[in-house]
Every structure is written in structure tokens, then in C-alpha cells.
Amino acid sequence: MSSESNPNLQNMRPSEAARRLDRIVEADPANLAGLHRYSKTGQLDTSFNRHIYVLLVIIPLLSAISGFFYLIAYVDGKFNGTPDQELDNIIQANLRSIVR
């Protein structure tokens, strides 16, 4: 869901975003509480579930962004050439001028 389709996301304060994440973690849609992750004190570690839910969002988002930039670089290389191609063209032009 993009921020253009939901104008409420553009005006959301960080505290509201944190509350929404807390509600998702408390609802536990992936049933991570069943993993029974305990801290060193023997208490159930709720921060573990929060980290897992953050990673479920952050990793795919960063992967999509990196894929988008890779696509831009690939298309730019096809249209304008890569630095290796430019260097090869300069070397070929210098060799032609030396041979003549």
C-alpha cells in the first residue's frame, strides 16, 4: 500500500505509527507467542516478537527499494552505456589514432 493511496500515512506521527505496530504485535497474527522466547530472567520476552514483526516489514521493503535502484541502474546502463564500455571506447579511439 503506497502513501499516495492513503493520505493518512503521510500525516502520521511517529507515535501513531508505534502504536499501530504495538497493536499488531499484541494481536500476534503470526502466532509468534507460540515460540516461547524467554529472556535470561525466565520471563516471556515480548521484545522478541516486536523485532520479528519489524523484520517482516523492513527486510521486504528494503529489498524492494534495492531492486528498484538496480532496475534504474540497469536501464541507464542499457541506454547510456556502462563505465566499462566508455573506457573501452576511449582505448579503441586512442589505439586507432596511434595506428594511423
PDB file of N, CA and C in Angstrom:
ATOM      1  N   MET A   1       0.845  -1.156   0.000  1.00  0.00           N
ATOM      2  CA  MET A   1       0.000   0.000   0.000  1.00  0.00           C
ATOM      3  C   MET A   1       0.893   1.220   0.000  1.00  0.00           C
ATOM      4  N   SER A   2       0.738   2.074  -0.952  1.00  0.00           N
ATOM      5  CA  SER A   2       1.583   3.248  -1.055  1.00  0.00           C
ATOM      6  C   SER A   2       0.998   4.397  -0.252  1.00  0.00           C
ATOM      7  N   SER A   3       1.863   5.363   0.051  1.00  0.00           N
ATOM      8  CA  SER A   3       1.410   6.503   0.836  1.00  0.00           C
ATOM      9  C   SER A   3       0.510   7.407   0.014  1.00  0.00           C
ATOM     10  N   GLU A   4       0.576   7.325  -1.340  1.00  0.00           N
ATOM     11  CA  GLU A   4      -0.304   8.142  -2.164  1.00  0.00           C
ATOM     12  C   GLU A   4      -1.745   7.651  -2.092  1.00  0.00           C
ATOM     13  N   SER A   5      -1.931   6.349  -1.916  1.00  0.00           N
ATOM     14  CA  SER A   5      -3.283   5.813  -1.863  1.00  0.00           C
ATOM     15  C   SER A   5      -3.937   6.038  -0.508  1.00  0.00           C
ATOM     16  N   ASN A   6      -3.163   6.269   0.525  1.00  0.00           N
ATOM     17  CA  ASN A   6      -3.700   6.511   1.855  1.00  0.00           C
ATOM     18  C   ASN A   6      -3.083   7.794   2.408  1.00  0.00           C
ATOM     19  N   PRO A   7      -3.793   8.929   2.296  1.00  0.00           N
ATOM     20  CA  PRO A   7      -3.207  10.190   2.749  1.00  0.00           C
ATOM     21  C   PRO A   7      -2.965  10.224   4.242  1.00  0.00           C
ATOM     22  N   ASN A   8      -3.619   9.354   5.022  1.00  0.00           N
ATOM     23  CA  ASN A   8      -3.388   9.323   6.469  1.00  0.00           C
ATOM     24  C   ASN A   8      -1.963   8.893   6.803  1.00  0.00           C
ATOM     25  N   LEU A   9      -1.327   8.089   5.936  1.00  0.00           N
ATOM     26  CA  LEU A   9       0.028   7.649   6.197  1.00  0.00           C
ATOM     27  C   LEU A   9       1.030   8.783   6.068  1.00  0.00           C
ATOM     28  N   GLN A  10       0.752   9.757   5.197  1.00  0.00           N
ATOM     29  CA  GLN A  10       1.670  10.872   5.022  1.00  0.00           C
ATOM     30  C   GLN A  10       1.671  11.777   6.245  1.00  0.00           C
ATOM     31  N   ASN A  11       0.543  11.924   6.909  1.00  0.00           N
ATOM     32  CA  ASN A  11       0.424  12.826   8.043  1.00  0.00           C
ATOM     33  C   ASN A  11       0.563  12.113   9.380  1.00  0.00           C
ATOM     34  N   MET A  12       0.933  10.838   9.357  1.00  0.00           N
ATOM     35  CA  MET A  12       1.007  10.052  10.588  1.00  0.00           C
ATOM     36  C   MET A  12       2.247  10.453  11.387  1.00  0.00           C
ATOM     37  N   ARG A  13       2.046  10.621  12.666  1.00  0.00           N
ATOM     38  CA  ARG A  13       3.156  10.925  13.555  1.00  0.00           C
ATOM     39  C   ARG A  13       3.857   9.623  13.928  1.00  0.00           C
ATOM     40  N   PRO A  14       5.139   9.729  14.284  1.00  0.00           N
ATOM     41  CA  PRO A  14       5.852   8.507  14.681  1.00  0.00           C
ATOM     42  C   PRO A  14       5.204   7.796  15.866  1.00  0.00           C
ATOM     43  N   SER A  15       4.621   8.556  16.782  1.00  0.00           N
ATOM     44  CA  SER A  15       3.981   7.913  17.932  1.00  0.00           C
ATOM     45  C   SER A  15       2.768   7.084  17.497  1.00  0.00           C
ATOM     46  N   GLU A  16       2.030   7.579  16.504  1.00  0.00           N
ATOM     47  CA  GLU A  16       0.877   6.822  15.994  1.00  0.00           C
ATOM     48  C   GLU A  16       1.354   5.562  15.272  1.00  0.00           C
ATOM     49  N   ALA A  17       2.444   5.681  14.523  1.00  0.00           N
ATOM     50  CA  ALA A  17       2.992   4.503  13.847  1.00  0.00           C
ATOM     51  C   ALA A  17       3.449   3.471  14.866  1.00  0.00           C
ATOM     52  N   ALA A  18       4.053   3.923  15.955  1.00  0.00           N
ATOM     53  CA  ALA A  18       4.490   2.990  17.010  1.00  0.00           C
ATOM     54  C   ALA A  18       3.292   2.324  17.676  1.00  0.00           C
ATOM     55  N   ARG A  19       2.216   3.082  17.897  1.00  0.00           N
ATOM     56  CA  ARG A  19       1.011   2.483  18.496  1.00  0.00           C
ATOM     57  C   ARG A  19       0.406   1.438  17.565  1.00  0.00           C
ATOM     58  N   ARG A  20       0.400   1.723  16.259  1.00  0.00           N
ATOM     59  CA  ARG A  20      -0.138   0.733  15.313  1.00  0.00           C
ATOM     60  C   ARG A  20       0.706  -0.535  15.325  1.00  0.00           C
ATOM     61  N   LEU A  21       2.030  -0.367  15.362  1.00  0.00           N
ATOM     62  CA  LEU A  21       2.899  -1.543  15.409  1.00  0.00           C
ATOM     63  C   LEU A  21       2.673  -2.316  16.699  1.00  0.00           C
ATOM     64  N   ASP A  22       2.504  -1.600  17.809  1.00  0.00           N
ATOM     65  CA  ASP A  22       2.239  -2.277  19.085  1.00  0.00           C
ATOM     66  C   ASP A  22       0.936  -3.074  19.034  1.00  0.00           C
ATOM     67  N   ARG A  23      -0.096  -2.513  18.381  1.00  0.00           N
ATOM     68  CA  ARG A  23      -1.366  -3.249  18.261  1.00  0.00           C
ATOM     69  C   ARG A  23      -1.187  -4.505  17.416  1.00  0.00           C
ATOM     70  N   ILE A  24      -0.382  -4.406  16.361  1.00  0.00           N
ATOM     71  CA  ILE A  24      -0.136  -5.585  15.522  1.00  0.00           C
ATOM     72  C   ILE A  24       0.611  -6.642  16.319  1.00  0.00           C
ATOM     73  N   VAL A  25       1.633  -6.205  17.083  1.00  0.00           N
ATOM     74  CA  VAL A  25       2.415  -7.154  17.879  1.00  0.00           C
ATOM     75  C   VAL A  25       1.545  -7.807  18.946  1.00  0.00           C
ATOM     76  N   GLU A  26       0.670  -7.016  19.581  1.00  0.00           N
ATOM     77  CA  GLU A  26      -0.212  -7.574  20.608  1.00  0.00           C
ATOM     78  C   GLU A  26      -1.220  -8.554  20.014  1.00  0.00           C
ATOM     79  N   ALA A  27      -1.707  -8.268  18.790  1.00  0.00           N
ATOM     80  CA  ALA A  27      -2.652  -9.177  18.147  1.00  0.00           C
ATOM     81  C   ALA A  27      -1.964 -10.479  17.740  1.00  0.00           C
ATOM     82  N   ASP A  28      -0.668 -10.405  17.466  1.00  0.00           N
ATOM     83  CA  ASP A  28       0.154 -11.573  17.126  1.00  0.00           C
ATOM     84  C   ASP A  28      -0.455 -12.414  16.004  1.00  0.00           C
ATOM     85  N   PRO A  29      -0.617 -11.823  14.796  1.00  0.00           N
ATOM     86  CA  PRO A  29      -1.238 -12.584  13.702  1.00  0.00           C
ATOM     87  C   PRO A  29      -0.395 -13.767  13.222  1.00  0.00           C
ATOM     88  N   ALA A  30       0.907 -13.749  13.460  1.00  0.00           N
ATOM     89  CA  ALA A  30       1.755 -14.869  13.038  1.00  0.00           C
ATOM     90  C   ALA A  30       1.948 -15.898  14.142  1.00  0.00           C
ATOM     91  N   ASN A  31       1.285 -15.703  15.276  1.00  0.00           N
ATOM     92  CA  ASN A  31       1.349 -16.619  16.415  1.00  0.00           C
ATOM     93  C   ASN A  31       2.789 -16.860  16.874  1.00  0.00           C
ATOM     94  N   LEU A  32       3.534 -15.762  17.015  1.00  0.00           N
ATOM     95  CA  LEU A  32       4.907 -15.874  17.480  1.00  0.00           C
ATOM     96  C   LEU A  32       4.996 -16.180  18.967  1.00  0.00           C
ATOM     97  N   ALA A  33       3.923 -15.947  19.700  1.00  0.00           N
ATOM     98  CA  ALA A  33       3.940 -16.259  21.129  1.00  0.00           C
ATOM     99  C   ALA A  33       4.132 -17.754  21.343  1.00  0.00           C
ATOM    100  N   GLY A  34       3.764 -18.541  20.367  1.00  0.00           N
ATOM    101  CA  GLY A  34       3.942 -19.990  20.465  1.00  0.00           C
ATOM    102  C   GLY A  34       5.401 -20.408  20.458  1.00  0.00           C
ATOM    103  N   LEU A  35       6.303 -19.497  20.079  1.00  0.00           N
ATOM    104  CA  LEU A  35       7.730 -19.821  20.086  1.00  0.00           C
ATOM    105  C   LEU A  35       8.294 -19.840  21.503  1.00  0.00           C
ATOM    106  N   HIS A  36       7.600 -19.178  22.427  1.00  0.00           N
ATOM    107  CA  HIS A  36       8.000 -19.130  23.826  1.00  0.00           C
ATOM    108  C   HIS A  36       9.451 -18.684  23.989  1.00  0.00           C
ATOM    109  N   ARG A  37       9.751 -17.512  23.456  1.00  0.00           N
ATOM    110  CA  ARG A  37      11.091 -16.944  23.589  1.00  0.00           C
ATOM    111  C   ARG A  37      11.216 -16.301  24.970  1.00  0.00           C
ATOM    112  N   TYR A  38      12.118 -16.806  25.782  1.00  0.00           N
ATOM    113  CA  TYR A  38      12.284 -16.325  27.152  1.00  0.00           C
ATOM    114  C   TYR A  38      13.573 -15.518  27.275  1.00  0.00           C
ATOM    115  N   SER A  39      13.543 -14.534  28.162  1.00  0.00           N
ATOM    116  CA  SER A  39      14.745 -13.759  28.453  1.00  0.00           C
ATOM    117  C   SER A  39      15.574 -14.496  29.498  1.00  0.00           C
ATOM    118  N   LYS A  40      16.704 -13.902  29.883  1.00  0.00           N
ATOM    119  CA  LYS A  40      17.585 -14.548  30.863  1.00  0.00           C
ATOM    120  C   LYS A  40      16.942 -14.645  32.238  1.00  0.00           C
ATOM    121  N   THR A  41      15.964 -13.772  32.502  1.00  0.00           N
ATOM    122  CA  THR A  41      15.308 -13.802  33.808  1.00  0.00           C
ATOM    123  C   THR A  41      14.218 -14.856  33.882  1.00  0.00           C
ATOM    124  N   GLY A  42      13.898 -15.504  32.794  1.00  0.00           N
ATOM    125  CA  GLY A  42      12.850 -16.510  32.774  1.00  0.00           C
ATOM    126  C   GLY A  42      11.498 -15.956  32.392  1.00  0.00           C
ATOM    127  N   GLN A  43      11.387 -14.661  32.165  1.00  0.00           N
ATOM    128  CA  GLN A  43      10.139 -14.040  31.731  1.00  0.00           C
ATOM    129  C   GLN A  43       9.985 -14.199  30.221  1.00  0.00           C
ATOM    130  N   LEU A  44       8.753 -14.188  29.757  1.00  0.00           N
ATOM    131  CA  LEU A  44       8.485 -14.245  28.324  1.00  0.00           C
ATOM    132  C   LEU A  44       8.958 -12.945  27.687  1.00  0.00           C
ATOM    133  N   ASP A  45       9.800 -13.016  26.679  1.00  0.00           N
ATOM    134  CA  ASP A  45      10.420 -11.841  26.058  1.00  0.00           C
ATOM    135  C   ASP A  45       9.511 -11.312  24.954  1.00  0.00           C
ATOM    136  N   THR A  46       8.782 -10.224  25.223  1.00  0.00           N
ATOM    137  CA  THR A  46       7.861  -9.650  24.232  1.00  0.00           C
ATOM    138  C   THR A  46       8.597  -8.817  23.200  1.00  0.00           C
ATOM    139  N   SER A  47       9.798  -8.332  23.524  1.00  0.00           N
ATOM    140  CA  SER A  47      10.543  -7.537  22.539  1.00  0.00           C
ATOM    141  C   SER A  47      10.980  -8.405  21.356  1.00  0.00           C
ATOM    142  N   PHE A  48      11.128  -9.699  21.588  1.00  0.00           N
ATOM    143  CA  PHE A  48      11.486 -10.618  20.504  1.00  0.00           C
ATOM    144  C   PHE A  48      10.415 -10.588  19.413  1.00  0.00           C
ATOM    145  N   ASN A  49       9.140 -10.649  19.816  1.00  0.00           N
ATOM    146  CA  ASN A  49       8.057 -10.610  18.839  1.00  0.00           C
ATOM    147  C   ASN A  49       8.058  -9.288  18.081  1.00  0.00           C
ATOM    148  N   ARG A  50       8.318  -8.193  18.786  1.00  0.00           N
ATOM    149  CA  ARG A  50       8.358  -6.876  18.138  1.00  0.00           C
ATOM    150  C   ARG A  50       9.460  -6.841  17.080  1.00  0.00           C
ATOM    151  N   HIS A  51      10.632  -7.373  17.409  1.00  0.00           N
ATOM    152  CA  HIS A  51      11.736  -7.387  16.443  1.00  0.00           C
ATOM    153  C   HIS A  51      11.393  -8.239  15.223  1.00  0.00           C
ATOM    154  N   ILE A  52      10.751  -9.350  15.441  1.00  0.00           N
ATOM    155  CA  ILE A  52      10.378 -10.215  14.318  1.00  0.00           C
ATOM    156  C   ILE A  52       9.384  -9.504  13.406  1.00  0.00           C
ATOM    157  N   TYR A  53       8.379  -8.843  13.976  1.00  0.00           N
ATOM    158  CA  TYR A  53       7.402  -8.144  13.142  1.00  0.00           C
ATOM    159  C   TYR A  53       8.032  -6.974  12.399  1.00  0.00           C
ATOM    160  N   VAL A  54       8.980  -6.288  13.029  1.00  0.00           N
ATOM    161  CA  VAL A  54       9.686  -5.206  12.333  1.00  0.00           C
ATOM    162  C   VAL A  54      10.471  -5.776  11.165  1.00  0.00           C
ATOM    163  N   LEU A  55      11.138  -6.910  11.383  1.00  0.00           N
ATOM    164  CA  LEU A  55      11.909  -7.518  10.306  1.00  0.00           C
ATOM    165  C   LEU A  55      11.017  -8.024   9.173  1.00  0.00           C
ATOM    166  N   LEU A  56       9.800  -8.454   9.512  1.00  0.00           N
ATOM    167  CA  LEU A  56       8.880  -8.900   8.462  1.00  0.00           C
ATOM    168  C   LEU A  56       8.469  -7.754   7.553  1.00  0.00           C
ATOM    169  N   VAL A  57       8.581  -6.529   8.042  1.00  0.00           N
ATOM    170  CA  VAL A  57       8.235  -5.364   7.230  1.00  0.00           C
ATOM    171  C   VAL A  57       9.479  -4.744   6.606  1.00  0.00           C
ATOM    172  N   ILE A  58      10.543  -4.577   7.381  1.00  0.00           N
ATOM    173  CA  ILE A  58      11.725  -3.851   6.939  1.00  0.00           C
ATOM    174  C   ILE A  58      12.482  -4.593   5.835  1.00  0.00           C
ATOM    175  N   ILE A  59      12.710  -5.870   5.994  1.00  0.00           N
ATOM    176  CA  ILE A  59      13.508  -6.611   5.009  1.00  0.00           C
ATOM    177  C   ILE A  59      12.844  -6.608   3.633  1.00  0.00           C
ATOM    178  N   PRO A  60      11.549  -6.924   3.505  1.00  0.00           N
ATOM    179  CA  PRO A  60      10.945  -6.850   2.175  1.00  0.00           C
ATOM    180  C   PRO A  60      10.931  -5.426   1.601  1.00  0.00           C
ATOM    181  N   LEU A  61      10.734  -4.435   2.457  1.00  0.00           N
ATOM    182  CA  LEU A  61      10.725  -3.050   1.982  1.00  0.00           C
ATOM    183  C   LEU A  61      12.094  -2.646   1.445  1.00  0.00           C
ATOM    184  N   LEU A  62      13.154  -2.944   2.178  1.00  0.00           N
ATOM    185  CA  LEU A  62      14.494  -2.608   1.708  1.00  0.00           C
ATOM    186  C   LEU A  62      14.878  -3.403   0.466  1.00  0.00           C
ATOM    187  N   SER A  63      14.417  -4.641   0.382  1.00  0.00           N
ATOM    188  CA  SER A  63      14.673  -5.441  -0.820  1.00  0.00           C
ATOM    189  C   SER A  63      13.988  -4.836  -2.037  1.00  0.00           C
ATOM    190  N   ALA A  64      12.767  -4.366  -1.855  1.00  0.00           N
ATOM    191  CA  ALA A  64      12.050  -3.732  -2.971  1.00  0.00           C
ATOM    192  C   ALA A  64      12.744  -2.447  -3.395  1.00  0.00           C
ATOM    193  N   ILE A  65      13.202  -1.666  -2.444  1.00  0.00           N
ATOM    194  CA  ILE A  65      13.895  -0.417  -2.779  1.00  0.00           C
ATOM    195  C   ILE A  65      15.200  -0.703  -3.506  1.00  0.00           C
ATOM    196  N   SER A  66      15.970  -1.681  -3.028  1.00  0.00           N
ATOM    197  CA  SER A  66      17.231  -2.001  -3.704  1.00  0.00           C
ATOM    198  C   SER A  66      16.972  -2.562  -5.099  1.00  0.00           C
ATOM    199  N   GLY A  67      15.925  -3.357  -5.259  1.00  0.00           N
ATOM    200  CA  GLY A  67      15.573  -3.854  -6.590  1.00  0.00           C
ATOM    201  C   GLY A  67      15.178  -2.734  -7.529  1.00  0.00           C
ATOM    202  N   PHE A  68      14.493  -1.730  -7.001  1.00  0.00           N
ATOM    203  CA  PHE A  68      14.104  -0.574  -7.812  1.00  0.00           C
ATOM    204  C   PHE A  68      15.342   0.192  -8.292  1.00  0.00           C
ATOM    205  N   PHE A  69      16.299   0.421  -7.389  1.00  0.00           N
ATOM    206  CA  PHE A  69      17.519   1.126  -7.789  1.00  0.00           C
ATOM    207  C   PHE A  69      18.352   0.292  -8.758  1.00  0.00           C
ATOM    208  N   TYR A  70      18.369  -1.024  -8.582  1.00  0.00           N
ATOM    209  CA  TYR A  70      19.075  -1.880  -9.527  1.00  0.00           C
ATOM    210  C   TYR A  70      18.442  -1.771 -10.912  1.00  0.00           C
ATOM    211  N   LEU A  71      17.113  -1.749 -10.957  1.00  0.00           N
ATOM    212  CA  LEU A  71      16.416  -1.623 -12.230  1.00  0.00           C
ATOM    213  C   LEU A  71      16.751  -0.296 -12.908  1.00  0.00           C
ATOM    214  N   ILE A  72      16.802   0.776 -12.139  1.00  0.00           N
ATOM    215  CA  ILE A  72      17.166   2.083 -12.697  1.00  0.00           C
ATOM    216  C   ILE A  72      18.583   2.044 -13.255  1.00  0.00           C
ATOM    217  N   ALA A  73      19.536   1.474 -12.513  1.00  0.00           N
ATOM    218  CA  ALA A  73      20.916   1.393 -12.979  1.00  0.00           C
ATOM    219  C   ALA A  73      21.028   0.523 -14.218  1.00  0.00           C
ATOM    220  N   TYR A  74      20.278  -0.556 -14.268  1.00  0.00           N
ATOM    221  CA  TYR A  74      20.322  -1.453 -15.423  1.00  0.00           C
ATOM    222  C   TYR A  74      19.807  -0.754 -16.678  1.00  0.00           C
ATOM    223  N   VAL A  75      18.670  -0.082 -16.552  1.00  0.00           N
ATOM    224  CA  VAL A  75      18.097   0.625 -17.705  1.00  0.00           C
ATOM    225  C   VAL A  75      19.018   1.754 -18.143  1.00  0.00           C
ATOM    226  N   ASP A  76      19.599   2.475 -17.183  1.00  0.00           N
ATOM    227  CA  ASP A  76      20.530   3.552 -17.512  1.00  0.00           C
ATOM    228  C   ASP A  76      21.750   3.000 -18.246  1.00  0.00           C
ATOM    229  N   GLY A  77      22.242   1.848 -17.818  1.00  0.00           N
ATOM    230  CA  GLY A  77      23.378   1.224 -18.488  1.00  0.00           C
ATOM    231  C   GLY A  77      23.047   0.799 -19.908  1.00  0.00           C
ATOM    232  N   LYS A  78      21.822   0.345 -20.127  1.00  0.00           N
ATOM    233  CA  LYS A  78      21.426  -0.056 -21.480  1.00  0.00           C
ATOM    234  C   LYS A  78      21.296   1.152 -22.406  1.00  0.00           C
ATOM    235  N   PHE A  79      20.772   2.261 -21.879  1.00  0.00           N
ATOM    236  CA  PHE A  79      20.579   3.446 -22.719  1.00  0.00           C
ATOM    237  C   PHE A  79      21.866   4.234 -22.917  1.00  0.00           C
ATOM    238  N   ASN A  80      22.631   4.447 -21.867  1.00  0.00           N
ATOM    239  CA  ASN A  80      23.789   5.342 -21.931  1.00  0.00           C
ATOM    240  C   ASN A  80      25.127   4.623 -21.923  1.00  0.00           C
ATOM    241  N   GLY A  81      25.127   3.341 -21.730  1.00  0.00           N
ATOM    242  CA  GLY A  81      26.374   2.600 -21.672  1.00  0.00           C
ATOM    243  C   GLY A  81      26.914   2.554 -20.259  1.00  0.00           C
ATOM    244  N   THR A  82      27.762   1.589 -20.025  1.00  0.00           N
ATOM    245  CA  THR A  82      28.356   1.434 -18.702  1.00  0.00           C
ATOM    246  C   THR A  82      29.735   2.088 -18.681  1.00  0.00           C
ATOM    247  N   PRO A  83      30.314   2.321 -17.517  1.00  0.00           N
ATOM    248  CA  PRO A  83      31.667   2.892 -17.459  1.00  0.00           C
ATOM    249  C   PRO A  83      32.698   2.014 -18.162  1.00  0.00           C
ATOM    250  N   ASP A  84      32.544   0.705 -18.115  1.00  0.00           N
ATOM    251  CA  ASP A  84      33.479  -0.185 -18.823  1.00  0.00           C
ATOM    252  C   ASP A  84      33.403   0.031 -20.326  1.00  0.00           C
ATOM    253  N   GLN A  85      32.204   0.206 -20.854  1.00  0.00           N
ATOM    254  CA  GLN A  85      32.045   0.447 -22.286  1.00  0.00           C
ATOM    255  C   GLN A  85      32.657   1.784 -22.679  1.00  0.00           C
ATOM    256  N   GLU A  86      32.498   2.797 -21.834  1.00  0.00           N
ATOM    257  CA  GLU A  86      33.093   4.104 -22.122  1.00  0.00           C
ATOM    258  C   GLU A  86      34.611   4.013 -22.133  1.00  0.00           C
ATOM    259  N   LEU A  87      35.180   3.291 -21.182  1.00  0.00           N
ATOM    260  CA  LEU A  87      36.627   3.118 -21.127  1.00  0.00           C
ATOM    261  C   LEU A  87      37.125   2.354 -22.344  1.00  0.00           C
ATOM    262  N   ASP A  88      36.427   1.306 -22.749  1.00  0.00           N
ATOM    263  CA  ASP A  88      36.804   0.554 -23.944  1.00  0.00           C
ATOM    264  C   ASP A  88      36.755   1.438 -25.183  1.00  0.00           C
ATOM    265  N   ASN A  89      35.750   2.299 -25.287  1.00  0.00           N
ATOM    266  CA  ASN A  89      35.654   3.203 -26.437  1.00  0.00           C
ATOM    267  C   ASN A  89      36.814   4.196 -26.463  1.00  0.00           C
ATOM    268  N   ILE A  90      37.223   4.713 -25.317  1.00  0.00           N
ATOM    269  CA  ILE A  90      38.357   5.643 -25.259  1.00  0.00           C
ATOM    270  C   ILE A  90      39.648   4.940 -25.667  1.00  0.00           C
ATOM    271  N   ILE A  91      39.864   3.714 -25.182  1.00  0.00           N
ATOM    272  CA  ILE A  91      41.063   2.949 -25.524  1.00  0.00           C
ATOM    273  C   ILE A  91      41.086   2.648 -27.018  1.00  0.00           C
ATOM    274  N   GLN A  92      39.942   2.247 -27.583  1.00  0.00           N
ATOM    275  CA  GLN A  92      39.885   1.957 -29.019  1.00  0.00           C
ATOM    276  C   GLN A  92      40.166   3.206 -29.846  1.00  0.00           C
ATOM    277  N   ALA A  93      39.645   4.348 -29.424  1.00  0.00           N
ATOM    278  CA  ALA A  93      39.892   5.593 -30.160  1.00  0.00           C
ATOM    279  C   ALA A  93      41.368   5.972 -30.090  1.00  0.00           C
ATOM    280  N   ASN A  94      42.007   5.805 -28.936  1.00  0.00           N
ATOM    281  CA  ASN A  94      43.443   6.105 -28.824  1.00  0.00           C
ATOM    282  C   ASN A  94      44.279   5.144 -29.651  1.00  0.00           C
ATOM    283  N   LEU A  95      43.898   3.856 -29.668  1.00  0.00           N
ATOM    284  CA  LEU A  95      44.648   2.890 -30.479  1.00  0.00           C
ATOM    285  C   LEU A  95      44.513   3.197 -31.963  1.00  0.00           C
ATOM    286  N   ARG A  96      43.314   3.616 -32.401  1.00  0.00           N
ATOM    287  CA  ARG A  96      43.121   3.980 -33.829  1.00  0.00           C
ATOM    288  C   ARG A  96      44.002   5.175 -34.196  1.00  0.00           C
ATOM    289  N   SER A  97      44.072   6.156 -33.278  1.00  0.00           N
ATOM    290  CA  SER A  97      44.884   7.341 -33.591  1.00  0.00           C
ATOM    291  C   SER A  97      46.366   6.989 -33.604  1.00  0.00           C
ATOM    292  N   ILE A  98      46.816   6.041 -32.771  1.00  0.00           N
ATOM    293  CA  ILE A  98      48.219   5.629 -32.777  1.00  0.00           C
ATOM    294  C   ILE A  98      48.530   4.840 -34.043  1.00  0.00           C
ATOM    295  N   VAL A  99      47.622   3.980 -34.469  1.00  0.00           N
ATOM    296  CA  VAL A  99      47.868   3.135 -35.639  1.00  0.00           C
ATOM    297  C   VAL A  99      47.916   3.988 -36.910  1.00  0.00           C
ATOM    298  N   ARG A 100      47.177   5.047 -36.980  1.00  0.00           N
ATOM    299  CA  ARG A 100      47.170   5.891 -38.183  1.00  0.00           C
ATOM    300  C   ARG A 100      48.413   6.664 -38.267  1.00  0.00           C
TER     301      ARG A 100
END
